[in-house]
Amino acid sequence: ALPISLEVPSTAKLTPGGLRGGFAVMAYRSGRSIQDIMWTMRLRSQVTLESYLQETASLNALVDMSAPARKALCAASKVFPLLPAACS
């Protein structure tokens, strides 16, 4: 069997956890039920799914912000390193 390539560049610095969060948000936004998403992702706890959705939602919110707001958050992240990848 040939390996499957997602063709995501290494410069994106995505981890499997990041991809799982992205799937969770996509599935949720497309109207899939929480139970269906959990079954597909093989999650035992709804709390785990909630953390995926919250992490990805916060990154989406960053993208939707104005340039001055992103700049201010990125400056703050240097003091409190919460979003270093989103600011590079």
Protein backbone atom coordinates (compact mmCIF):
# COMPACT_ATOMS: atom_id res chain seq x y z
CA ALA A 1 0.00 0.00 0.00
CA LEU A 2 1.19 3.47 -0.81
CA PRO A 3 1.50 6.00 2.01
CA ILE A 4 -1.15 8.70 2.02
CA SER A 5 0.14 12.24 1.75
CA LEU A 6 -1.91 15.20 2.85
CA GLU A 7 0.60 17.50 1.13
CA VAL A 8 0.66 19.85 4.11
CA PRO A 9 4.00 21.67 4.06
CA SER A 10 6.21 21.20 7.10
CA THR A 11 6.37 24.99 7.38
CA ALA A 12 2.72 24.88 8.54
CA LYS A 13 4.00 23.20 11.74
CA LEU A 14 0.81 21.19 12.13
CA THR A 15 0.69 18.26 14.49
CA PRO A 16 -1.76 15.35 14.38
CA GLY A 17 -3.53 17.05 17.30
CA GLY A 18 -3.97 20.17 15.17
CA LEU A 19 -5.44 18.15 12.34
CA ARG A 20 -7.86 16.43 14.73
CA GLY A 21 -9.04 19.80 16.00
CA GLY A 22 -9.53 21.02 12.44
CA PHE A 23 -11.64 17.96 11.62
CA ALA A 24 -13.70 18.41 14.77
CA VAL A 25 -14.55 22.01 13.87
CA MET A 26 -15.28 21.16 10.23
CA ALA A 27 -17.59 18.32 11.24
CA TYR A 28 -19.34 20.45 13.88
CA ARG A 29 -19.88 23.34 11.46
CA SER A 30 -21.25 20.98 8.83
CA GLY A 31 -23.97 19.88 11.26
CA ARG A 32 -22.69 16.48 12.36
CA SER A 33 -23.89 15.45 15.79
CA ILE A 34 -21.54 15.50 18.77
CA GLN A 35 -21.91 11.73 19.18
CA ASP A 36 -21.07 11.16 15.50
CA ILE A 37 -17.96 13.36 15.73
CA MET A 38 -16.85 11.58 18.89
CA TRP A 39 -17.39 8.16 17.26
CA THR A 40 -15.48 9.16 14.12
CA MET A 41 -12.58 10.56 16.15
CA ARG A 42 -12.70 7.61 18.59
CA LEU A 43 -13.04 9.96 21.57
CA ARG A 44 -14.25 8.61 24.88
CA SER A 45 -14.90 11.94 26.52
CA GLN A 46 -16.94 14.90 25.39
CA VAL A 47 -14.50 17.07 27.35
CA THR A 48 -11.75 16.07 24.90
CA LEU A 49 -13.91 17.13 21.96
CA GLU A 50 -14.70 20.41 23.69
CA SER A 51 -10.99 21.16 24.03
CA TYR A 52 -10.42 20.51 20.31
CA LEU A 53 -13.31 22.80 19.39
CA GLN A 54 -12.20 25.57 21.76
CA GLU A 55 -8.57 25.55 20.60
CA THR A 56 -9.46 25.71 16.93
CA ALA A 57 -12.22 28.25 17.50
CA SER A 58 -9.74 30.57 19.21
CA LEU A 59 -7.37 30.32 16.24
CA ASN A 60 -10.25 31.05 13.85
CA ALA A 61 -11.15 34.07 15.95
CA LEU A 62 -7.57 35.33 15.63
CA VAL A 63 -7.75 35.13 11.85
CA ASP A 64 -11.02 37.09 11.82
CA MET A 65 -9.62 39.96 13.90
CA SER A 66 -8.37 43.22 12.48
CA ALA A 67 -4.66 43.66 11.82
CA PRO A 68 -4.22 46.00 14.83
CA ALA A 69 -5.95 43.50 17.13
CA ARG A 70 -3.76 40.62 15.86
CA LYS A 71 -0.66 42.79 16.31
CA ALA A 72 -1.64 43.60 19.90
CA LEU A 73 -2.33 39.92 20.70
CA CYS A 74 0.95 38.85 19.15
CA ALA A 75 2.81 41.46 21.20
CA ALA A 76 1.09 40.16 24.34
CA SER A 77 1.97 36.57 23.40
CA LYS A 78 5.65 37.49 23.70
CA VAL A 79 5.07 38.22 27.37
CA PHE A 80 2.68 35.29 27.80
CA PRO A 81 3.65 32.78 25.09
CA LEU A 82 0.15 31.56 24.24
CA LEU A 83 0.02 31.97 20.47
CA PRO A 84 3.59 31.98 19.15
CA ALA A 85 2.83 29.90 16.03
CA ALA A 86 -0.12 32.09 15.04
CA CYS A 87 2.04 35.21 15.19
CA SER A 88 5.01 34.09 13.14
